[in-house]
Amino acid sequence: MPLTTRRQMLTAAAALPLLGVPSVLRAAEPDLSALRDITGDTVPIPLEERRARIAKAQSLMKAAGIGAILVEPGSSLLYFTGLRWGRSERLTALVLPVEGEPCIVTPFFEAPRTREGLVIPADIRVWQEHEDPLTLVAGFLRDRKLSGRPVGVEETVRFFAVDGLQKQGLRVVSANPVVRGCRMIKSPAEIALMQKATDVTIAAYRFVHPRVERGMTQRDIAALMDAATVKLGGEPEFSLVLIGEGAAYPHGTRTPSDVAAGRIVLMDCGCAVQGYQSDVSRTFVHGTASAEQRKVWDQVARGQRIAFEAARIGVPTGQVDDAVRRYYATLGYGPDYALPGLSHRTGHGIGLDGHEPVNLVRGETTRLAPGMCFSNEPGIYIPGSFGVRLEDCFHMTAQGPRWFSTPPRSIDAPVG
């Protein structure tokens, strides 16, 4: 699938009738009284764990010869500092040095809100509207006697910030060895939050599935899913609904469709709990499935099991994708990404972002290790007809993979 997150893709495509993530429910609002918030017992990431993250990052910086890393607002800033912040032309950034307390550079007028949102101690340095914030970054590094060492930039940092660092005479390198080295391995506390997000999504599916009726549009179903997710305590991230032939294209088409007897309904939905995400896809038929629909559904279910079985500690992640494609080739799909078949990778990393490094994709040499988390979604797509995608996420333990959600066993019981 594309590297862009599905949330970004759906936001950009909100005006399209097929993909449209709903903003309002149908005229008759659903009765959600049977649902309750199931997230009340969730435990936030403790301060001690955030301190441990910073200590690990500093250890990785030492090993990589990096003097500091720069992180803009987004999931990595949240990961290290607990600060939720949007990006704008006014730079707010974390400067994490190889030793000592981190620094937050932020506009003067934003300093009170910055202090309010931080959950770790930090040196807050402010800049005025006529000033260049990158001079503050350079000054902080000089104060810490780090200006002669490389500065790692987190992979989503924008060009103007990188350019500004270089104009300050700083040498810029990738912070991937540090940030990925921390974020790719989830702690028990992170996995617990991802499990809760998945529990919310599965409970929402169980509410929505029996309420899908003939004539409902993709927007109707997505709106119902979002409403159920909110009532259950989750923050909806995406609710992609594809019906009929639209399901043959992983992210749909511009052609709208509604529920009818014998039509495939493919749902790909996820939410966040305290920032940590779920990602679950289910495919079912309204009414009675045809022999062909049933056959393809069973093939995808088998592909998903093969991927799960191939995920073993120490195995390169690319080999998981290879195992699925070998099986699909025996069924006549492909070759490779050709259709009918599997036109996208088998899975992606997941955590604070819906899509994180690394992927279950051909050629990826990163080896599976305890704490890594992935989606497992080896769909089969038949242009002009229909598609099937089953998606469940798993995390790696010392004993092997463990599901966040149990895959369905049958097209007749698609949500368990």
Protein backbone atom coordinates (compact mmCIF):
# COMPACT_ATOMS: atom_id res chain seq x y z
CA MET A 1 0.00 0.00 0.00
CA PRO A 2 1.14 3.61 -0.38
CA LEU A 3 3.55 5.00 2.23
CA THR A 4 1.12 7.81 3.02
CA THR A 5 -1.07 6.97 5.99
CA ARG A 6 -4.60 5.91 5.30
CA ARG A 7 -5.79 8.81 7.46
CA GLN A 8 -4.04 11.27 5.12
CA MET A 9 -5.38 9.47 2.06
CA LEU A 10 -8.94 9.53 3.32
CA THR A 11 -8.71 13.16 4.33
CA ALA A 12 -7.57 14.09 0.84
CA ALA A 13 -10.31 11.96 -0.71
CA ALA A 14 -13.12 13.06 1.59
CA ALA A 15 -15.08 14.56 -1.29
CA LEU A 16 -15.13 11.33 -3.27
CA PRO A 17 -18.43 9.50 -2.96
CA LEU A 18 -16.86 6.06 -2.65
CA LEU A 19 -14.21 6.80 -0.07
CA GLY A 20 -16.04 9.55 1.76
CA VAL A 21 -15.40 9.27 5.45
CA PRO A 22 -18.68 10.48 6.90
CA SER A 23 -19.07 13.68 8.85
CA VAL A 24 -22.73 13.17 9.74
CA LEU A 25 -24.97 10.19 10.31
CA ARG A 26 -28.03 9.32 8.30
CA ALA A 27 -31.23 11.18 9.10
CA ALA A 28 -32.30 8.47 11.55
CA GLU A 29 -29.52 8.29 14.11
CA PRO A 30 -28.72 4.80 15.38
CA ASP A 31 -29.58 3.58 18.84
CA LEU A 32 -26.19 3.29 20.56
CA SER A 33 -27.61 2.73 24.03
CA ALA A 34 -26.32 -0.86 24.14
CA LEU A 35 -22.73 0.34 23.85
CA ARG A 36 -20.53 1.58 26.68
CA ASP A 37 -17.06 3.04 26.97
CA ILE A 38 -14.63 0.13 27.35
CA THR A 39 -11.48 2.26 27.67
CA GLY A 40 -11.93 3.46 31.24
CA ASP A 41 -9.33 1.08 32.61
CA THR A 42 -6.54 2.10 30.25
CA VAL A 43 -3.29 3.20 31.84
CA PRO A 44 -1.35 6.13 30.29
CA ILE A 45 2.30 5.75 29.40
CA PRO A 46 4.07 6.47 32.71
CA LEU A 47 6.71 9.16 33.11
CA GLU A 48 9.30 6.53 33.96
CA GLU A 49 8.79 4.92 30.56
CA ARG A 50 9.21 8.23 28.72
CA ARG A 51 12.44 8.79 30.62
CA ALA A 52 13.56 5.32 29.62
CA ARG A 53 12.78 6.17 25.98
CA ILE A 54 14.98 9.25 26.17
CA ALA A 55 17.76 7.24 27.81
CA LYS A 56 17.56 4.62 25.07
CA ALA A 57 17.59 7.30 22.36
CA GLN A 58 20.68 8.85 23.93
CA SER A 59 22.38 5.47 24.04
CA LEU A 60 21.61 4.93 20.36
CA MET A 61 22.92 8.44 19.57
CA LYS A 62 26.21 7.60 21.23
CA ALA A 63 26.49 4.39 19.23
CA ALA A 64 25.75 6.27 15.98
CA GLY A 65 28.04 9.22 16.73
CA ILE A 66 25.13 11.69 16.70
CA GLY A 67 25.22 14.75 18.97
CA ALA A 68 21.48 15.49 19.03
CA ILE A 69 18.27 14.79 17.15
CA LEU A 70 15.59 17.21 15.96
CA VAL A 71 11.95 16.12 16.06
CA GLU A 72 8.99 18.15 14.76
CA PRO A 73 5.39 17.79 16.00
CA GLY A 74 3.81 14.43 15.25
CA SER A 75 3.91 10.94 16.64
CA SER A 76 7.63 10.98 17.48
CA LEU A 77 7.27 14.18 19.50
CA LEU A 78 4.34 12.59 21.32
CA TYR A 79 6.38 9.43 21.87
CA PHE A 80 9.26 11.18 23.61
CA THR A 81 7.56 14.12 25.35
CA GLY A 82 3.81 13.45 25.59
CA LEU A 83 3.24 16.76 23.76
CA ARG A 84 0.44 16.76 21.17
CA TRP A 85 1.10 19.58 18.74
CA GLY A 86 0.15 20.49 15.20
CA ARG A 87 2.61 21.61 12.55
CA SER A 88 2.55 25.10 11.10
CA GLU A 89 4.99 27.55 9.57
CA ARG A 90 6.00 28.44 13.15
CA LEU A 91 8.51 25.85 14.27
CA THR A 92 8.02 23.97 17.50
CA ALA A 93 10.56 21.19 17.86
CA LEU A 94 12.26 18.84 20.28
CA VAL A 95 16.06 18.94 20.41
CA LEU A 96 17.20 15.83 22.21
CA PRO A 97 20.94 15.93 23.04
CA VAL A 98 23.14 12.89 23.45
CA GLU A 99 23.43 13.77 27.14
CA GLY A 100 21.33 15.78 29.56
CA GLU A 101 17.88 17.32 29.54
CA PRO A 102 16.06 17.84 26.22
CA CYS A 103 15.08 21.22 24.82
CA ILE A 104 11.82 22.40 23.29
CA VAL A 105 12.06 25.33 20.88
CA THR A 106 8.70 27.08 20.46
CA PRO A 107 7.22 30.52 19.71
CA PHE A 108 7.11 32.87 22.70
CA PHE A 109 3.33 33.11 22.70
CA GLU A 110 3.03 29.29 22.64
CA ALA A 111 5.26 28.70 25.66
CA PRO A 112 2.42 28.44 28.24
CA ARG A 113 0.60 25.85 26.15
CA THR A 114 3.85 23.99 25.55
CA ARG A 115 4.56 23.76 29.27
CA GLU A 116 1.01 22.61 29.88
CA GLY A 117 1.29 19.73 27.39
CA LEU A 118 4.77 18.45 28.25
CA VAL A 119 4.99 15.42 30.52
CA ILE A 120 8.79 15.39 30.79
CA PRO A 121 11.21 18.01 32.16
CA ALA A 122 12.71 20.13 29.36
CA ASP A 123 14.58 23.36 28.73
CA ILE A 124 12.03 25.53 26.89
CA ARG A 125 13.58 28.18 24.63
CA VAL A 126 11.32 30.68 22.91
CA TRP A 127 11.66 32.73 19.76
CA GLN A 128 9.87 35.92 18.72
CA GLU A 129 8.02 36.39 15.45
CA HIS A 130 10.90 38.25 13.75
CA GLU A 131 13.50 35.66 14.80
CA ASP A 132 14.78 32.44 13.22
CA PRO A 133 14.04 29.48 15.54
CA LEU A 134 16.95 27.52 14.08
CA THR A 135 19.33 30.00 15.70
CA LEU A 136 17.92 28.85 19.03
CA VAL A 137 18.59 25.25 18.09
CA ALA A 138 22.17 26.11 17.16
CA GLY A 139 22.57 28.11 20.37
CA PHE A 140 21.34 25.23 22.49
CA LEU A 141 23.82 22.89 20.80
CA ARG A 142 26.66 25.37 21.36
CA ASP A 143 25.70 25.62 25.03
CA ARG A 144 25.88 21.84 25.28
CA LYS A 145 29.16 21.79 23.30
CA LEU A 146 27.53 19.68 20.60
CA SER A 147 27.67 22.00 17.59
CA GLY A 148 30.59 20.08 16.12
CA ARG A 149 28.71 16.79 16.04
CA PRO A 150 26.11 15.65 13.48
CA VAL A 151 22.46 16.49 14.12
CA GLY A 152 20.02 13.69 13.31
CA VAL A 153 16.68 14.74 11.84
CA GLU A 154 13.58 12.60 12.29
CA GLU A 155 12.41 11.37 8.89
CA THR A 156 9.31 13.57 8.68
CA VAL A 157 11.08 16.85 9.49
CA ARG A 158 10.34 19.45 6.81
CA PHE A 159 12.93 20.87 4.42
CA PHE A 160 12.88 24.41 5.82
CA ALA A 161 14.06 23.08 9.18
CA VAL A 162 16.80 20.96 7.62
CA ASP A 163 17.87 23.89 5.45
CA GLY A 164 17.91 26.15 8.50
CA LEU A 165 20.13 23.75 10.42
CA GLN A 166 22.57 23.60 7.54
CA LYS A 167 22.65 27.41 7.26
CA GLN A 168 23.66 27.44 10.91
CA GLY A 169 26.72 25.41 9.92
CA LEU A 170 25.41 22.15 11.38
CA ARG A 171 25.93 18.79 9.72
CA VAL A 172 22.66 16.95 9.21
CA VAL A 173 22.21 13.17 9.17
CA SER A 174 19.27 10.79 9.45
CA ALA A 175 17.88 10.12 12.93
CA ASN A 176 16.40 6.80 11.79
CA PRO A 177 18.92 4.69 13.74
CA VAL A 178 17.73 6.47 16.88
CA VAL A 179 14.00 7.07 16.38
CA ARG A 180 13.26 3.80 14.61
CA GLY A 181 15.50 2.03 17.08
CA CYS A 182 13.21 3.22 19.86
CA ARG A 183 9.76 3.21 18.29
CA MET A 184 9.86 -0.08 16.38
CA ILE A 185 10.03 -2.07 19.62
CA LYS A 186 6.85 -1.59 21.63
CA SER A 187 6.75 -1.87 25.41
CA PRO A 188 4.10 -3.83 27.31
CA ALA A 189 2.36 -0.52 28.09
CA GLU A 190 2.22 0.38 24.39
CA ILE A 191 0.97 -3.06 23.42
CA ALA A 192 -1.76 -2.82 26.07
CA LEU A 193 -3.00 0.45 24.53
CA MET A 194 -2.93 -1.06 21.03
CA GLN A 195 -4.86 -4.04 22.36
CA LYS A 196 -7.49 -1.72 23.81
CA ALA A 197 -7.81 0.15 20.51
CA THR A 198 -8.28 -3.17 18.73
CA ASP A 199 -10.89 -4.25 21.29
CA VAL A 200 -12.83 -1.07 20.51
CA THR A 201 -12.68 -1.69 16.76
CA ILE A 202 -13.79 -5.31 17.07
CA ALA A 203 -16.67 -4.33 19.37
CA ALA A 204 -17.71 -1.66 16.85
CA TYR A 205 -17.64 -4.24 14.03
CA ARG A 206 -19.85 -6.55 16.06
CA PHE A 207 -22.33 -3.73 16.54
CA VAL A 208 -22.30 -2.58 12.91
CA HIS A 209 -22.29 -5.85 10.97
CA PRO A 210 -25.83 -7.02 11.86
CA ARG A 211 -27.13 -3.50 11.17
CA VAL A 212 -25.91 -3.30 7.57
CA GLU A 213 -29.05 -3.16 5.46
CA ARG A 214 -29.93 -3.17 1.80
CA GLY A 215 -29.67 0.29 0.27
CA MET A 216 -27.12 1.62 2.77
CA THR A 217 -24.28 3.59 1.22
CA GLN A 218 -20.61 3.50 2.09
CA ARG A 219 -21.07 6.76 3.98
CA ASP A 220 -23.95 5.29 5.98
CA ILE A 221 -21.92 2.29 7.11
CA ALA A 222 -18.80 4.33 7.85
CA ALA A 223 -20.83 6.81 9.89
CA LEU A 224 -22.32 3.99 11.93
CA MET A 225 -18.85 2.56 12.54
CA ASP A 226 -17.50 5.94 13.64
CA ALA A 227 -20.45 6.52 15.98
CA ALA A 228 -20.02 3.10 17.59
CA THR A 229 -16.27 3.65 17.96
CA VAL A 230 -16.79 6.96 19.76
CA LYS A 231 -19.40 5.45 22.11
CA LEU A 232 -16.99 2.62 22.92
CA GLY A 233 -14.28 5.12 23.88
CA GLY A 234 -12.09 5.18 20.78
CA GLU A 235 -11.06 8.06 18.56
CA PRO A 236 -11.92 7.13 14.93
CA GLU A 237 -8.91 7.26 12.62
CA PHE A 238 -10.43 5.92 9.40
CA SER A 239 -13.53 4.01 8.29
CA LEU A 240 -13.10 2.88 4.71
CA VAL A 241 -16.10 1.04 3.25
CA LEU A 242 -16.04 -0.52 -0.25
CA ILE A 243 -19.02 -2.26 -1.79
CA GLY A 244 -19.29 -4.59 -4.78
CA GLU A 245 -16.80 -3.97 -7.56
CA GLY A 246 -15.28 -1.12 -5.54
CA ALA A 247 -13.77 -3.74 -3.24
CA ALA A 248 -11.60 -4.92 -6.15
CA TYR A 249 -9.48 -1.77 -5.69
CA PRO A 250 -7.72 -1.57 -2.29
CA HIS A 251 -8.71 2.07 -1.67
CA GLY A 252 -11.81 2.15 -3.86
CA THR A 253 -12.88 4.11 -6.92
CA ARG A 254 -14.95 7.21 -7.64
CA THR A 255 -17.99 5.10 -8.51
CA PRO A 256 -20.47 4.95 -5.60
CA SER A 257 -22.27 1.78 -4.67
CA ASP A 258 -24.79 0.68 -2.09
CA VAL A 259 -25.59 -2.55 -0.29
CA ALA A 260 -27.56 -5.14 -2.23
CA ALA A 261 -28.13 -8.87 -2.02
CA GLY A 262 -25.03 -10.80 -2.99
CA ARG A 263 -22.66 -7.82 -2.93
CA ILE A 264 -19.34 -7.84 -1.14
CA VAL A 265 -18.88 -5.30 1.65
CA LEU A 266 -15.25 -4.63 2.56
CA MET A 267 -14.60 -2.54 5.67
CA ASP A 268 -11.16 -1.30 6.73
CA CYS A 269 -11.38 0.59 10.02
CA GLY A 270 -9.24 1.73 12.91
CA CYS A 271 -9.21 3.96 15.94
CA ALA A 272 -6.81 5.34 18.53
CA VAL A 273 -6.73 4.99 22.29
CA GLN A 274 -4.34 7.46 23.93
CA GLY A 275 -2.69 7.82 20.52
CA TYR A 276 -2.09 4.11 19.85
CA GLN A 277 -3.87 2.68 16.86
CA SER A 278 -5.81 -0.33 15.61
CA ASP A 279 -6.27 -1.46 12.02
CA VAL A 280 -8.78 -4.21 11.21
CA SER A 281 -10.41 -5.20 7.91
CA ARG A 282 -13.42 -7.44 7.45
CA THR A 283 -15.10 -8.62 4.26
CA PHE A 284 -18.58 -10.10 4.09
CA VAL A 285 -21.52 -10.53 1.73
CA HIS A 286 -24.96 -9.08 2.27
CA GLY A 287 -27.18 -12.12 1.92
CA THR A 288 -25.77 -15.36 0.52
CA ALA A 289 -22.20 -15.58 -0.72
CA SER A 290 -21.56 -17.06 -4.15
CA ALA A 291 -19.21 -19.99 -4.61
CA GLU A 292 -16.59 -17.65 -6.10
CA GLN A 293 -16.84 -15.15 -3.24
CA ARG A 294 -16.55 -17.95 -0.72
CA LYS A 295 -13.53 -19.45 -2.49
CA VAL A 296 -11.61 -16.17 -2.62
CA TRP A 297 -12.47 -15.36 1.00
CA ASP A 298 -11.09 -18.74 2.08
CA GLN A 299 -7.93 -18.18 0.00
CA VAL A 300 -7.30 -14.83 1.69
CA ALA A 301 -7.90 -16.38 5.12
CA ARG A 302 -5.30 -19.03 4.28
CA GLY A 303 -2.90 -16.35 3.04
CA GLN A 304 -3.27 -14.52 6.33
CA ARG A 305 -2.49 -17.70 8.28
CA ILE A 306 0.58 -18.34 6.12
CA ALA A 307 1.88 -14.84 6.85
CA PHE A 308 1.32 -15.36 10.57
CA GLU A 309 3.10 -18.72 10.51
CA ALA A 310 6.04 -17.23 8.61
CA ALA A 311 6.56 -14.49 11.22
CA ARG A 312 9.23 -15.93 13.49
CA ILE A 313 11.87 -14.23 15.62
CA GLY A 314 14.98 -13.52 13.57
CA VAL A 315 13.30 -13.92 10.17
CA PRO A 316 13.71 -10.98 7.75
CA THR A 317 10.35 -9.25 7.49
CA GLY A 318 10.41 -9.50 3.70
CA GLN A 319 10.15 -13.26 3.92
CA VAL A 320 6.65 -12.98 5.36
CA ASP A 321 5.50 -11.29 2.15
CA ASP A 322 7.40 -13.86 0.09
CA ALA A 323 5.58 -16.75 1.78
CA VAL A 324 2.15 -15.34 0.93
CA ARG A 325 3.05 -14.68 -2.72
CA ARG A 326 4.40 -18.19 -3.15
CA TYR A 327 1.06 -19.57 -1.99
CA TYR A 328 -0.95 -17.20 -4.19
CA ALA A 329 1.17 -18.19 -7.19
CA THR A 330 0.09 -21.81 -6.73
CA LEU A 331 -3.52 -20.59 -7.09
CA GLY A 332 -2.78 -18.77 -10.34
CA TYR A 333 -2.68 -15.22 -8.96
CA GLY A 334 -0.06 -12.68 -9.96
CA PRO A 335 2.74 -13.01 -10.70
CA ASP A 336 4.11 -10.60 -8.15
CA TYR A 337 1.79 -7.57 -7.85
CA ALA A 338 -0.18 -8.29 -11.03
CA LEU A 339 -3.96 -8.60 -10.83
CA PRO A 340 -5.96 -10.65 -10.13
CA GLY A 341 -3.92 -11.09 -6.97
CA LEU A 342 -2.25 -9.12 -4.21
CA SER A 343 -1.30 -5.65 -5.46
CA HIS A 344 0.16 -4.28 -2.21
CA ARG A 345 2.50 -5.40 0.55
CA THR A 346 1.35 -8.04 3.03
CA GLY A 347 1.55 -5.68 5.99
CA HIS A 348 2.96 -2.58 7.64
CA GLY A 349 4.27 -1.57 11.03
CA ILE A 350 1.78 0.05 13.39
CA GLY A 351 1.81 1.92 16.70
CA LEU A 352 1.30 5.63 17.26
CA ASP A 353 0.97 5.87 13.48
CA GLY A 354 -1.31 3.65 11.44
CA HIS A 355 1.62 3.00 9.12
CA GLU A 356 5.10 2.78 10.65
CA PRO A 357 8.42 1.28 9.62
CA VAL A 358 9.10 -1.45 8.79
CA ASN A 359 6.84 -3.25 6.32
CA LEU A 360 6.13 -6.87 5.51
CA VAL A 361 7.29 -6.38 1.94
CA ARG A 362 9.67 -8.05 -0.47
CA GLY A 363 13.32 -7.23 0.09
CA GLU A 364 12.95 -5.82 3.62
CA THR A 365 15.90 -7.25 5.58
CA THR A 366 15.03 -6.01 9.09
CA ARG A 367 14.69 -9.08 11.26
CA LEU A 368 11.64 -9.74 13.39
CA ALA A 369 12.18 -9.09 17.10
CA PRO A 370 10.01 -9.12 20.22
CA GLY A 371 7.92 -5.97 20.52
CA MET A 372 7.51 -5.32 16.79
CA CYS A 373 3.90 -4.82 15.65
CA PHE A 374 2.44 -5.34 12.18
CA SER A 375 -0.76 -5.52 10.17
CA ASN A 376 -1.39 -8.78 8.30
CA GLU A 377 -3.59 -8.05 5.25
CA PRO A 378 -2.85 -10.18 2.17
CA GLY A 379 -5.97 -9.30 0.17
CA ILE A 380 -6.93 -10.67 -3.23
CA TYR A 381 -8.38 -8.23 -5.77
CA ILE A 382 -10.17 -9.14 -9.00
CA PRO A 383 -10.71 -6.04 -11.18
CA GLY A 384 -14.21 -5.77 -12.60
CA SER A 385 -15.57 -8.19 -10.03
CA PHE A 386 -14.77 -7.85 -6.29
CA GLY A 387 -11.99 -8.01 -3.73
CA VAL A 388 -11.47 -9.57 -0.32
CA ARG A 389 -9.25 -8.19 2.45
CA LEU A 390 -8.95 -9.63 5.92
CA GLU A 391 -6.68 -7.64 8.21
CA ASP A 392 -5.63 -8.31 11.76
CA CYS A 393 -2.59 -6.97 13.56
CA PHE A 394 -0.09 -8.96 15.57
CA HIS A 395 2.86 -8.28 17.84
CA MET A 396 6.00 -10.33 18.16
CA THR A 397 6.81 -12.10 21.43
CA ALA A 398 9.83 -14.22 22.30
CA GLN A 399 7.69 -17.25 21.44
CA GLY A 400 6.48 -15.87 18.11
CA PRO A 401 3.58 -13.74 16.84
CA ARG A 402 0.45 -13.02 18.88
CA TRP A 403 -2.77 -11.60 17.46
CA PHE A 404 -4.31 -8.36 18.67
CA SER A 405 -7.58 -9.57 17.09
CA THR A 406 -8.53 -13.11 16.19
CA PRO A 407 -9.11 -13.56 12.44
CA PRO A 408 -12.59 -14.70 11.45
CA ARG A 409 -13.00 -18.33 10.46
CA SER A 410 -15.73 -18.05 7.87
CA ILE A 411 -17.38 -15.62 5.47
CA ASP A 412 -20.60 -16.60 7.26
CA ALA A 413 -19.24 -15.28 10.60
CA PRO A 414 -17.00 -12.41 9.44
CA VAL A 415 -16.73 -10.53 12.72
CA GLY A 416 -16.35 -13.50 15.05
